[in-house]
Amino acid sequence: MSSGSADSSCHNPLCLIVKVKAIAGKEAQLKKVLTAMLEPTRKEPGCITYQLYSNEADNTFFFYELWETADHLDAHTKTEHYLQLVKDRVGLVDEGGELTRLSEILV
């Protein structure tokens, strides 16, 4: 549980917003692929929250993720379900994987 950067990680989870835009006409297929990620990811060690949102006006999906540490996120990208997502989204994504890493402002 402790690592070189555990101090900041314990108090300030890693927050990600991942934007994925579907190819027109492929929205339902992409939604199915993305929702398949929810259950297994939420069971992963270090996953605090993993939610999927959509903006139907422009065929865009957003993952909102909170991870305990960067190591947990790194482990997530090596899971079977993540690697399957990478394969399954081919041909469904117009713009994909725009990742924004956020830091909480603590007061």
PDB file of N, CA and C in Angstrom:
ATOM      1  N   MET A   1       0.799  -1.184   0.000  1.00  0.00           N
ATOM      2  CA  MET A   1       0.000   0.000   0.000  1.00  0.00           C
ATOM      3  C   MET A   1       0.849   1.259   0.000  1.00  0.00           C
ATOM      4  N   SER A   2       2.020   1.161   0.536  1.00  0.00           N
ATOM      5  CA  SER A   2       2.844   2.374   0.537  1.00  0.00           C
ATOM      6  C   SER A   2       3.874   2.296  -0.570  1.00  0.00           C
ATOM      7  N   SER A   3       4.108   3.442  -1.144  1.00  0.00           N
ATOM      8  CA  SER A   3       5.112   3.556  -2.195  1.00  0.00           C
ATOM      9  C   SER A   3       5.763   4.904  -2.033  1.00  0.00           C
ATOM     10  N   GLY A   4       6.666   5.257  -2.897  1.00  0.00           N
ATOM     11  CA  GLY A   4       7.370   6.519  -2.821  1.00  0.00           C
ATOM     12  C   GLY A   4       6.449   7.718  -2.805  1.00  0.00           C
ATOM     13  N   SER A   5       5.291   7.633  -3.459  1.00  0.00           N
ATOM     14  CA  SER A   5       4.396   8.776  -3.532  1.00  0.00           C
ATOM     15  C   SER A   5       3.094   8.519  -2.774  1.00  0.00           C
ATOM     16  N   ALA A   6       3.131   7.593  -1.827  1.00  0.00           N
ATOM     17  CA  ALA A   6       1.908   7.218  -1.128  1.00  0.00           C
ATOM     18  C   ALA A   6       1.307   8.377  -0.353  1.00  0.00           C
ATOM     19  N   ASP A   7       2.121   9.255   0.170  1.00  0.00           N
ATOM     20  CA  ASP A   7       1.602  10.378   0.955  1.00  0.00           C
ATOM     21  C   ASP A   7       0.542  11.155   0.211  1.00  0.00           C
ATOM     22  N   SER A   8       0.878  11.648  -0.982  1.00  0.00           N
ATOM     23  CA  SER A   8      -0.077  12.446  -1.738  1.00  0.00           C
ATOM     24  C   SER A   8      -1.200  11.580  -2.295  1.00  0.00           C
ATOM     25  N   SER A   9      -0.935  10.321  -2.621  1.00  0.00           N
ATOM     26  CA  SER A   9      -1.949   9.468  -3.210  1.00  0.00           C
ATOM     27  C   SER A   9      -3.039   9.112  -2.213  1.00  0.00           C
ATOM     28  N   CYS A  10      -2.673   8.912  -0.955  1.00  0.00           N
ATOM     29  CA  CYS A  10      -3.643   8.518   0.058  1.00  0.00           C
ATOM     30  C   CYS A  10      -4.659   9.624   0.305  1.00  0.00           C
ATOM     31  N   HIS A  11      -4.218  10.846   0.218  1.00  0.00           N
ATOM     32  CA  HIS A  11      -5.090  11.968   0.532  1.00  0.00           C
ATOM     33  C   HIS A  11      -5.722  12.576  -0.710  1.00  0.00           C
ATOM     34  N   ASN A  12      -5.192  12.299  -1.848  1.00  0.00           N
ATOM     35  CA  ASN A  12      -5.675  12.939  -3.052  1.00  0.00           C
ATOM     36  C   ASN A  12      -5.730  11.900  -4.174  1.00  0.00           C
ATOM     37  N   PRO A  13      -6.881  11.241  -4.334  1.00  0.00           N
ATOM     38  CA  PRO A  13      -6.989  10.200  -5.365  1.00  0.00           C
ATOM     39  C   PRO A  13      -6.719  10.752  -6.762  1.00  0.00           C
ATOM     40  N   LEU A  14      -6.333   9.862  -7.637  1.00  0.00           N
ATOM     41  CA  LEU A  14      -6.107  10.198  -9.031  1.00  0.00           C
ATOM     42  C   LEU A  14      -7.463  10.245  -9.726  1.00  0.00           C
ATOM     43  N   CYS A  15      -7.793  11.379 -10.332  1.00  0.00           N
ATOM     44  CA  CYS A  15      -9.077  11.570 -11.003  1.00  0.00           C
ATOM     45  C   CYS A  15      -8.848  11.674 -12.506  1.00  0.00           C
ATOM     46  N   LEU A  16      -9.642  10.933 -13.258  1.00  0.00           N
ATOM     47  CA  LEU A  16      -9.546  10.961 -14.716  1.00  0.00           C
ATOM     48  C   LEU A  16     -10.921  11.180 -15.319  1.00  0.00           C
ATOM     49  N   ILE A  17     -10.931  11.942 -16.398  1.00  0.00           N
ATOM     50  CA  ILE A  17     -12.103  12.049 -17.261  1.00  0.00           C
ATOM     51  C   ILE A  17     -11.624  11.575 -18.635  1.00  0.00           C
ATOM     52  N   VAL A  18     -12.247  10.538 -19.151  1.00  0.00           N
ATOM     53  CA  VAL A  18     -11.857   9.985 -20.448  1.00  0.00           C
ATOM     54  C   VAL A  18     -13.023  10.192 -21.412  1.00  0.00           C
ATOM     55  N   LYS A  19     -12.741  10.870 -22.516  1.00  0.00           N
ATOM     56  CA  LYS A  19     -13.761  11.201 -23.512  1.00  0.00           C
ATOM     57  C   LYS A  19     -13.609  10.287 -24.724  1.00  0.00           C
ATOM     58  N   VAL A  20     -14.733   9.718 -25.155  1.00  0.00           N
ATOM     59  CA  VAL A  20     -14.752   8.826 -26.314  1.00  0.00           C
ATOM     60  C   VAL A  20     -15.945   9.214 -27.190  1.00  0.00           C
ATOM     61  N   LYS A  21     -15.689   9.554 -28.436  1.00  0.00           N
ATOM     62  CA  LYS A  21     -16.758   9.947 -29.358  1.00  0.00           C
ATOM     63  C   LYS A  21     -17.017   8.816 -30.350  1.00  0.00           C
ATOM     64  N   ALA A  22     -18.285   8.431 -30.455  1.00  0.00           N
ATOM     65  CA  ALA A  22     -18.672   7.334 -31.348  1.00  0.00           C
ATOM     66  C   ALA A  22     -18.743   7.802 -32.792  1.00  0.00           C
ATOM     67  N   ILE A  23     -18.439   6.894 -33.702  1.00  0.00           N
ATOM     68  CA  ILE A  23     -18.694   7.119 -35.123  1.00  0.00           C
ATOM     69  C   ILE A  23     -20.216   7.174 -35.283  1.00  0.00           C
ATOM     70  N   ALA A  24     -20.698   8.102 -36.083  1.00  0.00           N
ATOM     71  CA  ALA A  24     -22.144   8.236 -36.305  1.00  0.00           C
ATOM     72  C   ALA A  24     -22.725   6.888 -36.726  1.00  0.00           C
ATOM     73  N   GLY A  25     -23.790   6.492 -36.067  1.00  0.00           N
ATOM     74  CA  GLY A  25     -24.425   5.219 -36.360  1.00  0.00           C
ATOM     75  C   GLY A  25     -23.890   4.059 -35.537  1.00  0.00           C
ATOM     76  N   LYS A  26     -22.805   4.262 -34.806  1.00  0.00           N
ATOM     77  CA  LYS A  26     -22.184   3.189 -34.014  1.00  0.00           C
ATOM     78  C   LYS A  26     -22.368   3.415 -32.509  1.00  0.00           C
ATOM     79  N   GLU A  27     -23.214   4.385 -32.141  1.00  0.00           N
ATOM     80  CA  GLU A  27     -23.366   4.763 -30.735  1.00  0.00           C
ATOM     81  C   GLU A  27     -23.803   3.587 -29.854  1.00  0.00           C
ATOM     82  N   ALA A  28     -24.802   2.844 -30.287  1.00  0.00           N
ATOM     83  CA  ALA A  28     -25.322   1.734 -29.478  1.00  0.00           C
ATOM     84  C   ALA A  28     -24.268   0.643 -29.287  1.00  0.00           C
ATOM     85  N   GLN A  29     -23.526   0.352 -30.350  1.00  0.00           N
ATOM     86  CA  GLN A  29     -22.474  -0.661 -30.255  1.00  0.00           C
ATOM     87  C   GLN A  29     -21.378  -0.206 -29.294  1.00  0.00           C
ATOM     88  N   LEU A  30     -20.978   1.059 -29.404  1.00  0.00           N
ATOM     89  CA  LEU A  30     -19.927   1.566 -28.524  1.00  0.00           C
ATOM     90  C   LEU A  30     -20.416   1.598 -27.077  1.00  0.00           C
ATOM     91  N   LYS A  31     -21.664   2.002 -26.868  1.00  0.00           N
ATOM     92  CA  LYS A  31     -22.217   2.031 -25.514  1.00  0.00           C
ATOM     93  C   LYS A  31     -22.148   0.651 -24.878  1.00  0.00           C
ATOM     94  N   LYS A  32     -22.466  -0.383 -25.654  1.00  0.00           N
ATOM     95  CA  LYS A  32     -22.410  -1.763 -25.147  1.00  0.00           C
ATOM     96  C   LYS A  32     -20.982  -2.142 -24.747  1.00  0.00           C
ATOM     97  N   VAL A  33     -20.015  -1.793 -25.579  1.00  0.00           N
ATOM     98  CA  VAL A  33     -18.609  -2.090 -25.296  1.00  0.00           C
ATOM     99  C   VAL A  33     -18.151  -1.351 -24.028  1.00  0.00           C
ATOM    100  N   LEU A  34     -18.521  -0.077 -23.923  1.00  0.00           N
ATOM    101  CA  LEU A  34     -18.086   0.719 -22.773  1.00  0.00           C
ATOM    102  C   LEU A  34     -18.758   0.275 -21.478  1.00  0.00           C
ATOM    103  N   THR A  35     -20.044  -0.036 -21.532  1.00  0.00           N
ATOM    104  CA  THR A  35     -20.726  -0.460 -20.304  1.00  0.00           C
ATOM    105  C   THR A  35     -20.211  -1.806 -19.796  1.00  0.00           C
ATOM    106  N   ALA A  36     -19.667  -2.619 -20.685  1.00  0.00           N
ATOM    107  CA  ALA A  36     -19.082  -3.897 -20.268  1.00  0.00           C
ATOM    108  C   ALA A  36     -17.875  -3.691 -19.343  1.00  0.00           C
ATOM    109  N   MET A  37     -17.305  -2.501 -19.344  1.00  0.00           N
ATOM    110  CA  MET A  37     -16.158  -2.185 -18.498  1.00  0.00           C
ATOM    111  C   MET A  37     -16.550  -1.900 -17.047  1.00  0.00           C
ATOM    112  N   LEU A  38     -17.782  -1.507 -16.825  1.00  0.00           N
ATOM    113  CA  LEU A  38     -18.171  -0.994 -15.508  1.00  0.00           C
ATOM    114  C   LEU A  38     -18.017  -2.014 -14.382  1.00  0.00           C
ATOM    115  N   GLU A  39     -18.682  -3.123 -14.478  1.00  0.00           N
ATOM    116  CA  GLU A  39     -18.668  -4.098 -13.380  1.00  0.00           C
ATOM    117  C   GLU A  39     -17.265  -4.625 -13.055  1.00  0.00           C
ATOM    118  N   PRO A  40     -16.517  -5.119 -14.043  1.00  0.00           N
ATOM    119  CA  PRO A  40     -15.197  -5.652 -13.680  1.00  0.00           C
ATOM    120  C   PRO A  40     -14.233  -4.574 -13.173  1.00  0.00           C
ATOM    121  N   THR A  41     -14.321  -3.381 -13.710  1.00  0.00           N
ATOM    122  CA  THR A  41     -13.407  -2.327 -13.267  1.00  0.00           C
ATOM    123  C   THR A  41     -13.714  -1.918 -11.839  1.00  0.00           C
ATOM    124  N   ARG A  42     -14.979  -1.827 -11.496  1.00  0.00           N
ATOM    125  CA  ARG A  42     -15.365  -1.431 -10.139  1.00  0.00           C
ATOM    126  C   ARG A  42     -14.894  -2.433  -9.089  1.00  0.00           C
ATOM    127  N   LYS A  43     -14.605  -3.658  -9.503  1.00  0.00           N
ATOM    128  CA  LYS A  43     -14.116  -4.691  -8.581  1.00  0.00           C
ATOM    129  C   LYS A  43     -12.596  -4.668  -8.419  1.00  0.00           C
ATOM    130  N   GLU A  44     -11.914  -3.867  -9.220  1.00  0.00           N
ATOM    131  CA  GLU A  44     -10.457  -3.844  -9.171  1.00  0.00           C
ATOM    132  C   GLU A  44      -9.939  -3.184  -7.892  1.00  0.00           C
ATOM    133  N   PRO A  45      -8.813  -3.678  -7.388  1.00  0.00           N
ATOM    134  CA  PRO A  45      -8.186  -3.005  -6.245  1.00  0.00           C
ATOM    135  C   PRO A  45      -7.835  -1.561  -6.614  1.00  0.00           C
ATOM    136  N   GLY A  46      -8.105  -0.650  -5.716  1.00  0.00           N
ATOM    137  CA  GLY A  46      -7.738   0.744  -5.939  1.00  0.00           C
ATOM    138  C   GLY A  46      -8.761   1.567  -6.688  1.00  0.00           C
ATOM    139  N   CYS A  47      -9.817   0.943  -7.199  1.00  0.00           N
ATOM    140  CA  CYS A  47     -10.861   1.688  -7.902  1.00  0.00           C
ATOM    141  C   CYS A  47     -11.825   2.258  -6.871  1.00  0.00           C
ATOM    142  N   ILE A  48     -11.882   3.571  -6.788  1.00  0.00           N
ATOM    143  CA  ILE A  48     -12.794   4.245  -5.873  1.00  0.00           C
ATOM    144  C   ILE A  48     -14.145   4.438  -6.541  1.00  0.00           C
ATOM    145  N   THR A  49     -14.130   4.920  -7.766  1.00  0.00           N
ATOM    146  CA  THR A  49     -15.362   5.060  -8.540  1.00  0.00           C
ATOM    147  C   THR A  49     -15.024   4.963 -10.022  1.00  0.00           C
ATOM    148  N   TYR A  50     -15.984   4.439 -10.777  1.00  0.00           N
ATOM    149  CA  TYR A  50     -15.814   4.266 -12.218  1.00  0.00           C
ATOM    150  C   TYR A  50     -17.199   4.398 -12.822  1.00  0.00           C
ATOM    151  N   GLN A  51     -17.485   5.548 -13.412  1.00  0.00           N
ATOM    152  CA  GLN A  51     -18.819   5.839 -13.915  1.00  0.00           C
ATOM    153  C   GLN A  51     -18.752   6.218 -15.389  1.00  0.00           C
ATOM    154  N   LEU A  52     -19.832   5.916 -16.093  1.00  0.00           N
ATOM    155  CA  LEU A  52     -19.934   6.218 -17.515  1.00  0.00           C
ATOM    156  C   LEU A  52     -21.105   7.166 -17.730  1.00  0.00           C
ATOM    157  N   TYR A  53     -20.850   8.239 -18.472  1.00  0.00           N
ATOM    158  CA  TYR A  53     -21.869   9.232 -18.801  1.00  0.00           C
ATOM    159  C   TYR A  53     -21.912   9.393 -20.313  1.00  0.00           C
ATOM    160  N   SER A  54     -23.050   9.910 -20.808  1.00  0.00           N
ATOM    161  CA  SER A  54     -23.135  10.165 -22.244  1.00  0.00           C
ATOM    162  C   SER A  54     -23.697  11.548 -22.500  1.00  0.00           C
ATOM    163  N   ASN A  55     -23.291  12.095 -23.644  1.00  0.00           N
ATOM    164  CA  ASN A  55     -23.875  13.320 -24.179  1.00  0.00           C
ATOM    165  C   ASN A  55     -24.453  12.909 -25.526  1.00  0.00           C
ATOM    166  N   GLU A  56     -25.722  12.588 -25.528  1.00  0.00           N
ATOM    167  CA  GLU A  56     -26.354  12.069 -26.742  1.00  0.00           C
ATOM    168  C   GLU A  56     -26.403  13.100 -27.862  1.00  0.00           C
ATOM    169  N   ALA A  57     -26.300  14.374 -27.508  1.00  0.00           N
ATOM    170  CA  ALA A  57     -26.349  15.426 -28.526  1.00  0.00           C
ATOM    171  C   ALA A  57     -25.181  15.330 -29.501  1.00  0.00           C
ATOM    172  N   ASP A  58     -24.039  14.818 -29.020  1.00  0.00           N
ATOM    173  CA  ASP A  58     -22.890  14.717 -29.936  1.00  0.00           C
ATOM    174  C   ASP A  58     -22.218  13.339 -29.903  1.00  0.00           C
ATOM    175  N   ASN A  59     -22.974  12.304 -29.490  1.00  0.00           N
ATOM    176  CA  ASN A  59     -22.490  10.916 -29.531  1.00  0.00           C
ATOM    177  C   ASN A  59     -21.204  10.701 -28.743  1.00  0.00           C
ATOM    178  N   THR A  60     -21.086  11.406 -27.615  1.00  0.00           N
ATOM    179  CA  THR A  60     -19.864  11.340 -26.822  1.00  0.00           C
ATOM    180  C   THR A  60     -20.142  10.670 -25.486  1.00  0.00           C
ATOM    181  N   PHE A  61     -19.184   9.843 -25.068  1.00  0.00           N
ATOM    182  CA  PHE A  61     -19.231   9.175 -23.772  1.00  0.00           C
ATOM    183  C   PHE A  61     -18.062   9.673 -22.928  1.00  0.00           C
ATOM    184  N   PHE A  62     -18.274   9.681 -21.625  1.00  0.00           N
ATOM    185  CA  PHE A  62     -17.242  10.115 -20.684  1.00  0.00           C
ATOM    186  C   PHE A  62     -17.167   9.130 -19.533  1.00  0.00           C
ATOM    187  N   PHE A  63     -15.962   8.653 -19.257  1.00  0.00           N
ATOM    188  CA  PHE A  63     -15.723   7.896 -18.031  1.00  0.00           C
ATOM    189  C   PHE A  63     -15.240   8.888 -16.983  1.00  0.00           C
ATOM    190  N   TYR A  64     -15.791   8.769 -15.787  1.00  0.00           N
ATOM    191  CA  TYR A  64     -15.308   9.520 -14.624  1.00  0.00           C
ATOM    192  C   TYR A  64     -14.707   8.474 -13.701  1.00  0.00           C
ATOM    193  N   GLU A  65     -13.407   8.592 -13.445  1.00  0.00           N
ATOM    194  CA  GLU A  65     -12.693   7.570 -12.691  1.00  0.00           C
ATOM    195  C   GLU A  65     -11.946   8.186 -11.518  1.00  0.00           C
ATOM    196  N   LEU A  66     -11.985   7.504 -10.387  1.00  0.00           N
ATOM    197  CA  LEU A  66     -11.148   7.851  -9.242  1.00  0.00           C
ATOM    198  C   LEU A  66     -10.377   6.605  -8.848  1.00  0.00           C
ATOM    199  N   TRP A  67      -9.055   6.757  -8.762  1.00  0.00           N
ATOM    200  CA  TRP A  67      -8.165   5.654  -8.404  1.00  0.00           C
ATOM    201  C   TRP A  67      -7.354   6.052  -7.176  1.00  0.00           C
ATOM    202  N   GLU A  68      -7.093   5.084  -6.320  1.00  0.00           N
ATOM    203  CA  GLU A  68      -6.310   5.364  -5.114  1.00  0.00           C
ATOM    204  C   GLU A  68      -4.905   5.850  -5.465  1.00  0.00           C
ATOM    205  N   THR A  69      -4.286   5.203  -6.455  1.00  0.00           N
ATOM    206  CA  THR A  69      -2.918   5.566  -6.834  1.00  0.00           C
ATOM    207  C   THR A  69      -2.719   5.384  -8.339  1.00  0.00           C
ATOM    208  N   ALA A  70      -1.639   5.957  -8.838  1.00  0.00           N
ATOM    209  CA  ALA A  70      -1.277   5.771 -10.244  1.00  0.00           C
ATOM    210  C   ALA A  70      -0.943   4.304 -10.523  1.00  0.00           C
ATOM    211  N   ASP A  71      -0.415   3.591  -9.542  1.00  0.00           N
ATOM    212  CA  ASP A  71      -0.115   2.169  -9.721  1.00  0.00           C
ATOM    213  C   ASP A  71      -1.393   1.360  -9.951  1.00  0.00           C
ATOM    214  N   HIS A  72      -2.463   1.723  -9.259  1.00  0.00           N
ATOM    215  CA  HIS A  72      -3.738   1.036  -9.473  1.00  0.00           C
ATOM    216  C   HIS A  72      -4.258   1.293 -10.887  1.00  0.00           C
ATOM    217  N   LEU A  73      -4.134   2.525 -11.336  1.00  0.00           N
ATOM    218  CA  LEU A  73      -4.554   2.845 -12.702  1.00  0.00           C
ATOM    219  C   LEU A  73      -3.716   2.082 -13.711  1.00  0.00           C
ATOM    220  N   ASP A  74      -2.428   2.009 -13.485  1.00  0.00           N
ATOM    221  CA  ASP A  74      -1.536   1.269 -14.380  1.00  0.00           C
ATOM    222  C   ASP A  74      -1.938  -0.209 -14.434  1.00  0.00           C
ATOM    223  N   ALA A  75      -2.257  -0.785 -13.285  1.00  0.00           N
ATOM    224  CA  ALA A  75      -2.685  -2.189 -13.247  1.00  0.00           C
ATOM    225  C   ALA A  75      -3.989  -2.369 -14.029  1.00  0.00           C
ATOM    226  N   HIS A  76      -4.874  -1.376 -13.951  1.00  0.00           N
ATOM    227  CA  HIS A  76      -6.141  -1.413 -14.686  1.00  0.00           C
ATOM    228  C   HIS A  76      -5.904  -1.558 -16.190  1.00  0.00           C
ATOM    229  N   THR A  77      -4.905  -0.857 -16.718  1.00  0.00           N
ATOM    230  CA  THR A  77      -4.642  -0.886 -18.160  1.00  0.00           C
ATOM    231  C   THR A  77      -4.044  -2.213 -18.625  1.00  0.00           C
ATOM    232  N   LYS A  78      -3.779  -3.111 -17.689  1.00  0.00           N
ATOM    233  CA  LYS A  78      -3.221  -4.426 -18.030  1.00  0.00           C
ATOM    234  C   LYS A  78      -4.233  -5.545 -17.804  1.00  0.00           C
ATOM    235  N   THR A  79      -5.446  -5.189 -17.381  1.00  0.00           N
ATOM    236  CA  THR A  79      -6.458  -6.221 -17.118  1.00  0.00           C
ATOM    237  C   THR A  79      -7.023  -6.781 -18.422  1.00  0.00           C
ATOM    238  N   GLU A  80      -7.588  -7.960 -18.313  1.00  0.00           N
ATOM    239  CA  GLU A  80      -8.184  -8.622 -19.482  1.00  0.00           C
ATOM    240  C   GLU A  80      -9.324  -7.781 -20.060  1.00  0.00           C
ATOM    241  N   HIS A  81     -10.171  -7.223 -19.201  1.00  0.00           N
ATOM    242  CA  HIS A  81     -11.318  -6.453 -19.708  1.00  0.00           C
ATOM    243  C   HIS A  81     -10.883  -5.140 -20.360  1.00  0.00           C
ATOM    244  N   TYR A  82      -9.824  -4.525 -19.877  1.00  0.00           N
ATOM    245  CA  TYR A  82      -9.332  -3.299 -20.520  1.00  0.00           C
ATOM    246  C   TYR A  82      -8.742  -3.625 -21.899  1.00  0.00           C
ATOM    247  N   LEU A  83      -7.938  -4.667 -21.955  1.00  0.00           N
ATOM    248  CA  LEU A  83      -7.338  -5.059 -23.236  1.00  0.00           C
ATOM    249  C   LEU A  83      -8.412  -5.474 -24.242  1.00  0.00           C
ATOM    250  N   GLN A  84      -9.498  -6.078 -23.757  1.00  0.00           N
ATOM    251  CA  GLN A  84     -10.612  -6.436 -24.633  1.00  0.00           C
ATOM    252  C   GLN A  84     -11.299  -5.173 -25.162  1.00  0.00           C
ATOM    253  N   LEU A  85     -11.458  -4.174 -24.301  1.00  0.00           N
ATOM    254  CA  LEU A  85     -12.043  -2.896 -24.719  1.00  0.00           C
ATOM    255  C   LEU A  85     -11.250  -2.276 -25.861  1.00  0.00           C
ATOM    256  N   VAL A  86      -9.943  -2.294 -25.735  1.00  0.00           N
ATOM    257  CA  VAL A  86      -9.080  -1.719 -26.773  1.00  0.00           C
ATOM    258  C   VAL A  86      -9.359  -2.395 -28.120  1.00  0.00           C
ATOM    259  N   LYS A  87      -9.557  -3.701 -28.117  1.00  0.00           N
ATOM    260  CA  LYS A  87      -9.862  -4.433 -29.361  1.00  0.00           C
ATOM    261  C   LYS A  87     -11.281  -4.150 -29.846  1.00  0.00           C
ATOM    262  N   ASP A  88     -12.236  -4.187 -28.919  1.00  0.00           N
ATOM    263  CA  ASP A  88     -13.651  -4.092 -29.286  1.00  0.00           C
ATOM    264  C   ASP A  88     -14.058  -2.708 -29.788  1.00  0.00           C
ATOM    265  N   ARG A  89     -13.347  -1.688 -29.401  1.00  0.00           N
ATOM    266  CA  ARG A  89     -13.741  -0.330 -29.806  1.00  0.00           C
ATOM    267  C   ARG A  89     -13.260   0.036 -31.209  1.00  0.00           C
ATOM    268  N   VAL A  90     -12.414  -0.782 -31.803  1.00  0.00           N
ATOM    269  CA  VAL A  90     -11.930  -0.534 -33.154  1.00  0.00           C
ATOM    270  C   VAL A  90     -13.121  -0.487 -34.110  1.00  0.00           C
ATOM    271  N   GLY A  91     -13.192   0.545 -34.916  1.00  0.00           N
ATOM    272  CA  GLY A  91     -14.280   0.707 -35.863  1.00  0.00           C
ATOM    273  C   GLY A  91     -15.526   1.350 -35.287  1.00  0.00           C
ATOM    274  N   LEU A  92     -15.504   1.664 -33.982  1.00  0.00           N
ATOM    275  CA  LEU A  92     -16.655   2.284 -33.325  1.00  0.00           C
ATOM    276  C   LEU A  92     -16.374   3.710 -32.868  1.00  0.00           C
ATOM    277  N   VAL A  93     -15.089   4.051 -32.781  1.00  0.00           N
ATOM    278  CA  VAL A  93     -14.679   5.315 -32.170  1.00  0.00           C
ATOM    279  C   VAL A  93     -14.206   6.305 -33.219  1.00  0.00           C
ATOM    280  N   ASP A  94     -14.806   7.490 -33.203  1.00  0.00           N
ATOM    281  CA  ASP A  94     -14.409   8.579 -34.087  1.00  0.00           C
ATOM    282  C   ASP A  94     -13.230   9.331 -33.472  1.00  0.00           C
ATOM    283  N   GLU A  95     -13.402   9.730 -32.230  1.00  0.00           N
ATOM    284  CA  GLU A  95     -12.327  10.342 -31.449  1.00  0.00           C
ATOM    285  C   GLU A  95     -12.306   9.590 -30.142  1.00  0.00           C
ATOM    286  N   GLY A  96     -11.139   9.108 -29.762  1.00  0.00           N
ATOM    287  CA  GLY A  96     -11.157   8.305 -28.555  1.00  0.00           C
ATOM    288  C   GLY A  96      -9.983   8.480 -27.643  1.00  0.00           C
ATOM    289  N   GLY A  97     -10.278   8.225 -26.403  1.00  0.00           N
ATOM    290  CA  GLY A  97      -9.232   8.189 -25.413  1.00  0.00           C
ATOM    291  C   GLY A  97      -8.662   9.526 -25.000  1.00  0.00           C
ATOM    292  N   GLU A  98      -9.364  10.617 -25.265  1.00  0.00           N
ATOM    293  CA  GLU A  98      -8.881  11.904 -24.760  1.00  0.00           C
ATOM    294  C   GLU A  98      -8.976  11.850 -23.250  1.00  0.00           C
ATOM    295  N   LEU A  99      -7.825  11.853 -22.606  1.00  0.00           N
ATOM    296  CA  LEU A  99      -7.762  11.651 -21.175  1.00  0.00           C
ATOM    297  C   LEU A  99      -7.348  12.941 -20.495  1.00  0.00           C
ATOM    298  N   THR A 100      -8.125  13.342 -19.486  1.00  0.00           N
ATOM    299  CA  THR A 100      -7.781  14.498 -18.689  1.00  0.00           C
ATOM    300  C   THR A 100      -7.563  14.051 -17.264  1.00  0.00           C
ATOM    301  N   ARG A 101      -6.379  14.314 -16.744  1.00  0.00           N
ATOM    302  CA  ARG A 101      -6.039  13.955 -15.367  1.00  0.00           C
ATOM    303  C   ARG A 101      -6.229  15.206 -14.516  1.00  0.00           C
ATOM    304  N   LEU A 102      -7.015  15.066 -13.460  1.00  0.00           N
ATOM    305  CA  LEU A 102      -7.353  16.202 -12.621  1.00  0.00           C
ATOM    306  C   LEU A 102      -6.827  16.026 -11.217  1.00  0.00           C
ATOM    307  N   SER A 103      -6.489  17.130 -10.591  1.00  0.00           N
ATOM    308  CA  SER A 103      -6.095  17.126  -9.183  1.00  0.00           C
ATOM    309  C   SER A 103      -7.112  17.927  -8.391  1.00  0.00           C
ATOM    310  N   GLU A 104      -7.552  17.357  -7.310  1.00  0.00           N
ATOM    311  CA  GLU A 104      -8.519  18.045  -6.458  1.00  0.00           C
ATOM    312  C   GLU A 104      -7.845  19.221  -5.771  1.00  0.00           C
ATOM    313  N   ILE A 105      -8.562  20.311  -5.657  1.00  0.00           N
ATOM    314  CA  ILE A 105      -8.059  21.470  -4.933  1.00  0.00           C
ATOM    315  C   ILE A 105      -8.518  21.326  -3.498  1.00  0.00           C
ATOM    316  N   LEU A 106      -7.563  21.113  -2.627  1.00  0.00           N
ATOM    317  CA  LEU A 106      -7.876  20.898  -1.223  1.00  0.00           C
ATOM    318  C   LEU A 106      -7.811  22.213  -0.473  1.00  0.00           C
ATOM    319  N   VAL A 107      -8.838  22.492   0.302  1.00  0.00           N
ATOM    320  CA  VAL A 107      -8.853  23.728   1.104  1.00  0.00           C
ATOM    321  C   VAL A 107      -9.063  23.409   2.564  1.00  0.00           C
TER     322      VAL A 107
END
